[in-house]
Each structure stands twice: as C-alpha cells, then as structure tokens.
Amino acid sequence: RAREFVEGAIAAEAALHVRPADIERLDDVLRRMETMRHPNKMTIALDREFHTAVAGILENAVLVRFIGELFDQRMNPYFERLSIYFETSDSWQVAANEHRAVRDAIAARDPERAKAAMQQHLRQSQIRFSRNFDERAAAKEVAE
C-alpha cells in the first residue's frame, strides 16, 4: 500500500513536470521491457528502472532513492526466486501494458489519470502475485 500511495502521487506530479527527454527515457525502458523474455533478472531490473524513472521526472534524488528502496525491499533474493517461479510471460506483458498506460497518462500531462494508472498497476501487480501464489500452492496441495 505504501508504494500505491506514494507512487500514485509521484506519477500525478510527474505529469505536471514532464519534459520530452523524460518521455524518451520512459519509452526506452518500455521498449526494452517489451522485447524481454520474462521472467529473468533483467526484467526485474527494468521494472525498477521504470518506477525510478517516473520519480526521476521530479528531479528529486530523495524520491528516486525512496522509490528504489521501496522496490528493493520487495526484491530480495528470496522474492526474486519467487518472482521467477510465479510470474509468466503473460503476466509480464500485462504489467508492461500497465506501465505503458502510466507513461501515456504522464505524457498527456494528465495528473489524475497518471495517478490512477500507477495505483491500478500496483494493485494489479499485487493481485497477480497473490493469485499466482495461491494457485500454485493449491495445485501443490492437490498433487500431494
């Protein structure tokens, strides 16, 4: 929930301050994300890069570091292993589309839409992870 609250506000503010170079950076990250085969360590790094790039639009090193640290708390070696096990190329494509919606709202300079897109992405990310975790756990129980 912390990421949803903070990153939603950052995305809204970013929509008010975005410059063409910022959009180019987001587009570069998105291009690399969309061509990656998931899951692997690089896709996780690109996910982090996208979120810190959004914060970077505000040119505030504290916010960039904070977003990076929020992301890193979740991305420890244990979670990386879980992520690779539970995430699929389909879930990665859905996440990439959600990132694209955030980028488009920021590029349109629409703060409310940017906030909503970021919050929706983070909620859906949590739902995807929880659903995949529950489905795999249930399948394992049935198999035993």
N, C-alpha and C. Protein backbone atom coordinates (compact mmCIF):
# COMPACT_ATOMS: atom_id res chain seq x y z
N ARG A 1 0.82 -1.20 0.00
CA ARG A 1 0.00 0.00 0.00
C ARG A 1 0.85 1.26 0.00
N ALA A 2 2.02 1.21 0.61
CA ALA A 2 2.88 2.40 0.63
C ALA A 2 3.27 2.80 -0.79
N ARG A 3 3.64 1.83 -1.59
CA ARG A 3 4.02 2.14 -2.97
C ARG A 3 2.85 2.71 -3.74
N GLU A 4 1.67 2.15 -3.55
CA GLU A 4 0.49 2.64 -4.25
C GLU A 4 0.22 4.11 -3.92
N PHE A 5 0.30 4.44 -2.65
CA PHE A 5 0.05 5.81 -2.21
C PHE A 5 1.13 6.76 -2.73
N VAL A 6 2.38 6.43 -2.46
CA VAL A 6 3.49 7.32 -2.81
C VAL A 6 3.69 7.41 -4.32
N GLU A 7 3.72 6.26 -4.99
CA GLU A 7 3.98 6.30 -6.43
C GLU A 7 2.81 6.88 -7.21
N GLY A 8 1.60 6.75 -6.70
CA GLY A 8 0.47 7.41 -7.34
C GLY A 8 0.63 8.92 -7.31
N ALA A 9 1.02 9.44 -6.15
CA ALA A 9 1.24 10.89 -6.01
C ALA A 9 2.40 11.35 -6.89
N ILE A 10 3.45 10.56 -6.95
CA ILE A 10 4.61 10.92 -7.78
C ILE A 10 4.22 10.94 -9.25
N ALA A 11 3.46 9.95 -9.70
CA ALA A 11 3.03 9.92 -11.11
C ALA A 11 2.18 11.14 -11.45
N ALA A 12 1.30 11.52 -10.53
CA ALA A 12 0.46 12.71 -10.76
C ALA A 12 1.33 13.96 -10.89
N GLU A 13 2.27 14.10 -10.00
CA GLU A 13 3.17 15.27 -10.04
C GLU A 13 4.06 15.23 -11.29
N ALA A 14 4.50 14.04 -11.65
CA ALA A 14 5.34 13.89 -12.85
C ALA A 14 4.61 14.37 -14.09
N ALA A 15 3.30 14.14 -14.15
CA ALA A 15 2.51 14.58 -15.30
C ALA A 15 2.52 16.10 -15.43
N LEU A 16 2.73 16.79 -14.34
CA LEU A 16 2.76 18.26 -14.37
C LEU A 16 4.13 18.82 -14.74
N HIS A 17 5.18 17.99 -14.64
CA HIS A 17 6.55 18.48 -14.82
C HIS A 17 7.32 17.76 -15.92
N VAL A 18 6.68 16.85 -16.63
CA VAL A 18 7.36 16.01 -17.60
C VAL A 18 7.93 16.84 -18.76
N ARG A 19 9.10 16.45 -19.22
CA ARG A 19 9.78 17.07 -20.36
C ARG A 19 9.94 16.00 -21.46
N PRO A 20 10.16 16.43 -22.68
CA PRO A 20 10.34 15.45 -23.77
C PRO A 20 11.42 14.40 -23.47
N ALA A 21 12.52 14.81 -22.86
CA ALA A 21 13.59 13.85 -22.54
C ALA A 21 13.11 12.79 -21.56
N ASP A 22 12.21 13.17 -20.67
CA ASP A 22 11.66 12.20 -19.71
C ASP A 22 10.82 11.14 -20.44
N ILE A 23 10.03 11.59 -21.39
CA ILE A 23 9.20 10.65 -22.17
C ILE A 23 10.11 9.72 -22.97
N GLU A 24 11.18 10.27 -23.53
CA GLU A 24 12.13 9.43 -24.27
C GLU A 24 12.73 8.36 -23.36
N ARG A 25 13.05 8.73 -22.13
CA ARG A 25 13.62 7.74 -21.20
C ARG A 25 12.59 6.65 -20.88
N LEU A 26 11.36 7.06 -20.58
CA LEU A 26 10.31 6.07 -20.31
C LEU A 26 10.10 5.16 -21.52
N ASP A 27 10.10 5.76 -22.71
CA ASP A 27 9.92 4.97 -23.93
C ASP A 27 11.06 3.96 -24.11
N ASP A 28 12.27 4.39 -23.81
CA ASP A 28 13.42 3.49 -23.92
C ASP A 28 13.27 2.30 -22.98
N VAL A 29 12.89 2.57 -21.74
CA VAL A 29 12.70 1.48 -20.78
C VAL A 29 11.58 0.56 -21.25
N LEU A 30 10.48 1.14 -21.71
CA LEU A 30 9.35 0.32 -22.18
C LEU A 30 9.73 -0.53 -23.39
N ARG A 31 10.49 0.02 -24.32
CA ARG A 31 10.93 -0.77 -25.48
C ARG A 31 11.74 -1.98 -25.02
N ARG A 32 12.65 -1.75 -24.08
CA ARG A 32 13.46 -2.86 -23.58
C ARG A 32 12.61 -3.87 -22.82
N MET A 33 11.62 -3.37 -22.07
CA MET A 33 10.73 -4.27 -21.33
C MET A 33 9.92 -5.15 -22.28
N GLU A 34 9.43 -4.54 -23.33
CA GLU A 34 8.54 -5.25 -24.25
C GLU A 34 9.27 -6.29 -25.10
N THR A 35 10.58 -6.18 -25.21
CA THR A 35 11.34 -7.15 -26.00
C THR A 35 11.99 -8.23 -25.14
N MET A 36 11.88 -8.10 -23.84
CA MET A 36 12.48 -9.07 -22.92
C MET A 36 11.65 -10.32 -22.81
N ARG A 37 12.34 -11.42 -22.71
CA ARG A 37 11.66 -12.68 -22.38
C ARG A 37 11.60 -12.73 -20.86
N HIS A 38 10.43 -12.95 -20.33
CA HIS A 38 10.26 -12.96 -18.87
C HIS A 38 9.95 -14.36 -18.41
N PRO A 39 10.29 -14.74 -17.26
CA PRO A 39 10.97 -13.96 -16.23
C PRO A 39 12.49 -14.15 -16.27
N ASN A 40 13.18 -13.10 -15.93
CA ASN A 40 14.63 -13.16 -15.71
C ASN A 40 15.04 -11.95 -14.90
N LYS A 41 16.29 -11.92 -14.48
CA LYS A 41 16.74 -10.83 -13.60
C LYS A 41 16.68 -9.47 -14.30
N MET A 42 16.89 -9.45 -15.60
CA MET A 42 16.87 -8.17 -16.32
C MET A 42 15.48 -7.56 -16.33
N THR A 43 14.45 -8.37 -16.42
CA THR A 43 13.10 -7.82 -16.42
C THR A 43 12.78 -7.16 -15.08
N ILE A 44 13.27 -7.76 -14.01
CA ILE A 44 13.07 -7.18 -12.69
C ILE A 44 13.80 -5.84 -12.60
N ALA A 45 15.01 -5.79 -13.14
CA ALA A 45 15.78 -4.54 -13.14
C ALA A 45 15.08 -3.47 -13.98
N LEU A 46 14.50 -3.86 -15.10
CA LEU A 46 13.78 -2.90 -15.94
C LEU A 46 12.52 -2.39 -15.26
N ASP A 47 11.85 -3.26 -14.53
CA ASP A 47 10.68 -2.85 -13.77
C ASP A 47 11.07 -1.75 -12.78
N ARG A 48 12.15 -1.99 -12.05
CA ARG A 48 12.65 -1.00 -11.09
C ARG A 48 13.04 0.30 -11.81
N GLU A 49 13.71 0.15 -12.95
CA GLU A 49 14.15 1.33 -13.70
C GLU A 49 12.96 2.18 -14.14
N PHE A 50 11.88 1.54 -14.56
CA PHE A 50 10.69 2.29 -14.97
C PHE A 50 10.16 3.11 -13.80
N HIS A 51 10.00 2.48 -12.65
CA HIS A 51 9.43 3.17 -11.49
C HIS A 51 10.34 4.30 -11.00
N THR A 52 11.64 4.09 -11.01
CA THR A 52 12.54 5.16 -10.57
C THR A 52 12.63 6.26 -11.64
N ALA A 53 12.43 5.91 -12.92
CA ALA A 53 12.42 6.93 -13.97
C ALA A 53 11.22 7.86 -13.82
N VAL A 54 10.08 7.31 -13.43
CA VAL A 54 8.91 8.16 -13.18
C VAL A 54 9.23 9.13 -12.05
N ALA A 55 9.81 8.63 -10.98
CA ALA A 55 10.19 9.51 -9.86
C ALA A 55 11.25 10.51 -10.31
N GLY A 56 12.14 10.09 -11.20
CA GLY A 56 13.20 10.96 -11.68
C GLY A 56 12.70 12.18 -12.43
N ILE A 57 11.50 12.12 -12.95
CA ILE A 57 10.92 13.27 -13.65
C ILE A 57 10.86 14.48 -12.73
N LEU A 58 10.70 14.23 -11.44
CA LEU A 58 10.60 15.33 -10.47
C LEU A 58 11.95 15.90 -10.08
N GLU A 59 13.03 15.30 -10.57
CA GLU A 59 14.40 15.75 -10.28
C GLU A 59 14.65 15.89 -8.79
N ASN A 60 14.19 14.90 -8.05
CA ASN A 60 14.35 14.89 -6.59
C ASN A 60 15.03 13.58 -6.22
N ALA A 61 16.32 13.67 -5.89
CA ALA A 61 17.11 12.48 -5.60
C ALA A 61 16.56 11.68 -4.43
N VAL A 62 15.96 12.37 -3.46
CA VAL A 62 15.40 11.67 -2.30
C VAL A 62 14.24 10.78 -2.74
N LEU A 63 13.36 11.30 -3.59
CA LEU A 63 12.23 10.50 -4.07
C LEU A 63 12.70 9.32 -4.92
N VAL A 64 13.69 9.55 -5.77
CA VAL A 64 14.21 8.46 -6.60
C VAL A 64 14.78 7.36 -5.70
N ARG A 65 15.57 7.76 -4.72
CA ARG A 65 16.15 6.78 -3.80
C ARG A 65 15.06 6.07 -3.01
N PHE A 66 14.07 6.82 -2.54
CA PHE A 66 12.98 6.23 -1.76
C PHE A 66 12.21 5.19 -2.57
N ILE A 67 11.86 5.53 -3.81
CA ILE A 67 11.15 4.58 -4.67
C ILE A 67 12.02 3.36 -4.93
N GLY A 68 13.29 3.58 -5.17
CA GLY A 68 14.20 2.46 -5.36
C GLY A 68 14.26 1.57 -4.14
N GLU A 69 14.28 2.18 -2.95
CA GLU A 69 14.33 1.39 -1.72
C GLU A 69 13.03 0.65 -1.47
N LEU A 70 11.89 1.27 -1.76
CA LEU A 70 10.61 0.56 -1.63
C LEU A 70 10.60 -0.66 -2.55
N PHE A 71 11.08 -0.47 -3.76
CA PHE A 71 11.14 -1.57 -4.71
C PHE A 71 12.11 -2.64 -4.21
N ASP A 72 13.27 -2.21 -3.74
CA ASP A 72 14.31 -3.15 -3.30
C ASP A 72 13.88 -3.98 -2.10
N GLN A 73 13.05 -3.43 -1.23
CA GLN A 73 12.56 -4.19 -0.08
C GLN A 73 11.84 -5.44 -0.54
N ARG A 74 11.17 -5.33 -1.65
CA ARG A 74 10.43 -6.45 -2.20
C ARG A 74 11.33 -7.35 -3.04
N MET A 75 12.42 -6.81 -3.54
CA MET A 75 13.25 -7.55 -4.48
C MET A 75 14.51 -8.11 -3.83
N ASN A 76 14.34 -8.83 -2.77
CA ASN A 76 15.46 -9.53 -2.16
C ASN A 76 15.65 -10.86 -2.89
N PRO A 77 16.74 -11.57 -2.62
CA PRO A 77 16.97 -12.85 -3.32
C PRO A 77 15.81 -13.83 -3.19
N TYR A 78 15.17 -13.87 -2.05
CA TYR A 78 14.03 -14.77 -1.84
C TYR A 78 12.89 -14.41 -2.80
N PHE A 79 12.55 -13.12 -2.84
CA PHE A 79 11.45 -12.69 -3.71
C PHE A 79 11.82 -12.88 -5.18
N GLU A 80 13.09 -12.65 -5.54
CA GLU A 80 13.50 -12.85 -6.93
C GLU A 80 13.23 -14.29 -7.36
N ARG A 81 13.54 -15.23 -6.49
CA ARG A 81 13.28 -16.64 -6.82
C ARG A 81 11.77 -16.88 -6.96
N LEU A 82 10.98 -16.33 -6.03
CA LEU A 82 9.53 -16.48 -6.12
C LEU A 82 9.00 -15.84 -7.40
N SER A 83 9.51 -14.66 -7.71
CA SER A 83 9.06 -13.94 -8.89
C SER A 83 9.31 -14.76 -10.15
N ILE A 84 10.48 -15.32 -10.27
CA ILE A 84 10.81 -16.12 -11.44
C ILE A 84 9.92 -17.35 -11.52
N TYR A 85 9.56 -17.90 -10.37
CA TYR A 85 8.73 -19.10 -10.32
C TYR A 85 7.26 -18.79 -10.61
N PHE A 86 6.76 -17.67 -10.08
CA PHE A 86 5.32 -17.39 -10.16
C PHE A 86 4.92 -16.51 -11.33
N GLU A 87 5.81 -15.67 -11.82
CA GLU A 87 5.43 -14.79 -12.91
C GLU A 87 5.62 -15.50 -14.24
N THR A 88 4.82 -15.10 -15.20
CA THR A 88 4.85 -15.72 -16.52
C THR A 88 5.05 -14.65 -17.59
N SER A 89 5.29 -15.09 -18.81
CA SER A 89 5.42 -14.11 -19.89
C SER A 89 4.10 -13.36 -20.09
N ASP A 90 2.97 -14.02 -19.84
CA ASP A 90 1.67 -13.34 -19.95
C ASP A 90 1.52 -12.27 -18.88
N SER A 91 1.88 -12.60 -17.63
CA SER A 91 1.74 -11.60 -16.57
C SER A 91 2.71 -10.44 -16.80
N TRP A 92 3.88 -10.75 -17.37
CA TRP A 92 4.84 -9.69 -17.68
C TRP A 92 4.29 -8.77 -18.76
N GLN A 93 3.62 -9.32 -19.77
CA GLN A 93 3.04 -8.49 -20.83
C GLN A 93 1.94 -7.59 -20.28
N VAL A 94 1.13 -8.12 -19.37
CA VAL A 94 0.09 -7.30 -18.74
C VAL A 94 0.73 -6.15 -17.97
N ALA A 95 1.79 -6.45 -17.22
CA ALA A 95 2.49 -5.40 -16.46
C ALA A 95 3.09 -4.36 -17.40
N ALA A 96 3.66 -4.80 -18.52
CA ALA A 96 4.23 -3.86 -19.49
C ALA A 96 3.13 -2.95 -20.05
N ASN A 97 1.96 -3.50 -20.30
CA ASN A 97 0.83 -2.68 -20.77
C ASN A 97 0.41 -1.67 -19.71
N GLU A 98 0.44 -2.07 -18.45
CA GLU A 98 0.11 -1.14 -17.36
C GLU A 98 1.15 -0.04 -17.27
N HIS A 99 2.42 -0.38 -17.46
CA HIS A 99 3.47 0.65 -17.49
C HIS A 99 3.22 1.62 -18.64
N ARG A 100 2.82 1.08 -19.77
CA ARG A 100 2.54 1.94 -20.93
C ARG A 100 1.39 2.90 -20.62
N ALA A 101 0.37 2.46 -19.89
CA ALA A 101 -0.74 3.33 -19.50
C ALA A 101 -0.26 4.46 -18.59
N VAL A 102 0.66 4.15 -17.69
CA VAL A 102 1.24 5.18 -16.81
C VAL A 102 2.00 6.18 -17.67
N ARG A 103 2.84 5.69 -18.56
CA ARG A 103 3.63 6.56 -19.44
C ARG A 103 2.72 7.46 -20.27
N ASP A 104 1.66 6.88 -20.85
CA ASP A 104 0.77 7.66 -21.71
C ASP A 104 0.06 8.76 -20.92
N ALA A 105 -0.34 8.47 -19.70
CA ALA A 105 -1.01 9.48 -18.87
C ALA A 105 -0.05 10.60 -18.49
N ILE A 106 1.18 10.24 -18.18
CA ILE A 106 2.19 11.26 -17.86
C ILE A 106 2.47 12.11 -19.09
N ALA A 107 2.65 11.46 -20.24
CA ALA A 107 2.93 12.19 -21.49
C ALA A 107 1.78 13.12 -21.86
N ALA A 108 0.56 12.73 -21.51
CA ALA A 108 -0.62 13.56 -21.79
C ALA A 108 -0.76 14.69 -20.78
N ARG A 109 0.14 14.72 -19.81
CA ARG A 109 0.10 15.74 -18.74
C ARG A 109 -1.22 15.70 -17.98
N ASP A 110 -1.70 14.50 -17.74
CA ASP A 110 -2.97 14.28 -17.05
C ASP A 110 -2.69 13.68 -15.67
N PRO A 111 -2.59 14.53 -14.65
CA PRO A 111 -2.18 14.03 -13.33
C PRO A 111 -3.14 13.02 -12.71
N GLU A 112 -4.43 13.23 -12.87
CA GLU A 112 -5.38 12.28 -12.28
C GLU A 112 -5.29 10.92 -12.95
N ARG A 113 -5.19 10.94 -14.27
CA ARG A 113 -5.06 9.68 -15.00
C ARG A 113 -3.73 8.99 -14.68
N ALA A 114 -2.66 9.77 -14.53
CA ALA A 114 -1.35 9.19 -14.19
C ALA A 114 -1.39 8.53 -12.82
N LYS A 115 -1.99 9.22 -11.86
CA LYS A 115 -2.13 8.67 -10.51
C LYS A 115 -2.94 7.39 -10.54
N ALA A 116 -4.09 7.43 -11.22
CA ALA A 116 -4.96 6.26 -11.28
C ALA A 116 -4.27 5.09 -11.98
N ALA A 117 -3.54 5.37 -13.06
CA ALA A 117 -2.86 4.30 -13.79
C ALA A 117 -1.78 3.65 -12.94
N MET A 118 -1.02 4.46 -12.21
CA MET A 118 0.03 3.91 -11.35
C MET A 118 -0.58 3.09 -10.22
N GLN A 119 -1.60 3.63 -9.59
CA GLN A 119 -2.23 2.90 -8.48
C GLN A 119 -2.86 1.60 -8.98
N GLN A 120 -3.49 1.65 -10.13
CA GLN A 120 -4.08 0.45 -10.71
C GLN A 120 -3.00 -0.59 -11.00
N HIS A 121 -1.89 -0.15 -11.57
CA HIS A 121 -0.79 -1.07 -11.88
C HIS A 121 -0.28 -1.75 -10.61
N LEU A 122 -0.06 -0.98 -9.56
CA LEU A 122 0.47 -1.56 -8.33
C LEU A 122 -0.53 -2.50 -7.67
N ARG A 123 -1.81 -2.15 -7.71
CA ARG A 123 -2.85 -3.05 -7.17
C ARG A 123 -2.89 -4.35 -7.97
N GLN A 124 -2.89 -4.22 -9.28
CA GLN A 124 -2.95 -5.41 -10.13
C GLN A 124 -1.71 -6.28 -9.98
N SER A 125 -0.57 -5.66 -9.80
CA SER A 125 0.66 -6.41 -9.58
C SER A 125 0.55 -7.27 -8.33
N GLN A 126 0.03 -6.68 -7.28
CA GLN A 126 -0.16 -7.43 -6.03
C GLN A 126 -1.17 -8.55 -6.21
N ILE A 127 -2.25 -8.26 -6.91
CA ILE A 127 -3.28 -9.28 -7.16
C ILE A 127 -2.69 -10.43 -7.98
N ARG A 128 -1.93 -10.10 -9.04
CA ARG A 128 -1.32 -11.15 -9.86
C ARG A 128 -0.42 -12.04 -9.04
N PHE A 129 0.42 -11.42 -8.24
CA PHE A 129 1.34 -12.21 -7.43
C PHE A 129 0.58 -13.09 -6.44
N SER A 130 -0.38 -12.51 -5.75
CA SER A 130 -1.16 -13.27 -4.76
C SER A 130 -1.93 -14.40 -5.43
N ARG A 131 -2.55 -14.11 -6.56
CA ARG A 131 -3.33 -15.13 -7.27
C ARG A 131 -2.43 -16.27 -7.73
N ASN A 132 -1.29 -15.94 -8.33
CA ASN A 132 -0.37 -16.98 -8.78
C ASN A 132 0.16 -17.80 -7.62
N PHE A 133 0.46 -17.13 -6.52
CA PHE A 133 0.96 -17.83 -5.34
C PHE A 133 -0.10 -18.79 -4.82
N ASP A 134 -1.34 -18.31 -4.71
CA ASP A 134 -2.44 -19.15 -4.22
C ASP A 134 -2.72 -20.32 -5.16
N GLU A 135 -2.69 -20.06 -6.47
CA GLU A 135 -2.96 -21.12 -7.44
C GLU A 135 -1.89 -22.20 -7.39
N ARG A 136 -0.63 -21.79 -7.29
CA ARG A 136 0.46 -22.77 -7.24
C ARG A 136 0.41 -23.57 -5.94
N ALA A 137 0.10 -22.89 -4.85
CA ALA A 137 0.02 -23.59 -3.56
C ALA A 137 -1.13 -24.59 -3.58
N ALA A 138 -2.27 -24.20 -4.15
CA ALA A 138 -3.42 -25.10 -4.22
C ALA A 138 -3.11 -26.30 -5.11
N ALA A 139 -2.45 -26.07 -6.23
CA ALA A 139 -2.09 -27.17 -7.13
C ALA A 139 -1.14 -28.14 -6.44
N LYS A 140 -0.22 -27.61 -5.66
CA LYS A 140 0.72 -28.47 -4.94
C LYS A 140 -0.02 -29.32 -3.92
N GLU A 141 -0.97 -28.71 -3.20
CA GLU A 141 -1.75 -29.46 -2.20
C GLU A 141 -2.55 -30.57 -2.86
N VAL A 142 -3.14 -30.30 -4.02
CA VAL A 142 -3.93 -31.30 -4.73
C VAL A 142 -3.03 -32.45 -5.18
N ALA A 143 -1.83 -32.11 -5.65
CA ALA A 143 -0.90 -33.12 -6.14
C ALA A 143 -0.42 -34.03 -5.01
N GLU A 144 -0.34 -33.50 -3.82
CA GLU A 144 0.14 -34.30 -2.69
C GLU A 144 -0.98 -35.15 -2.22
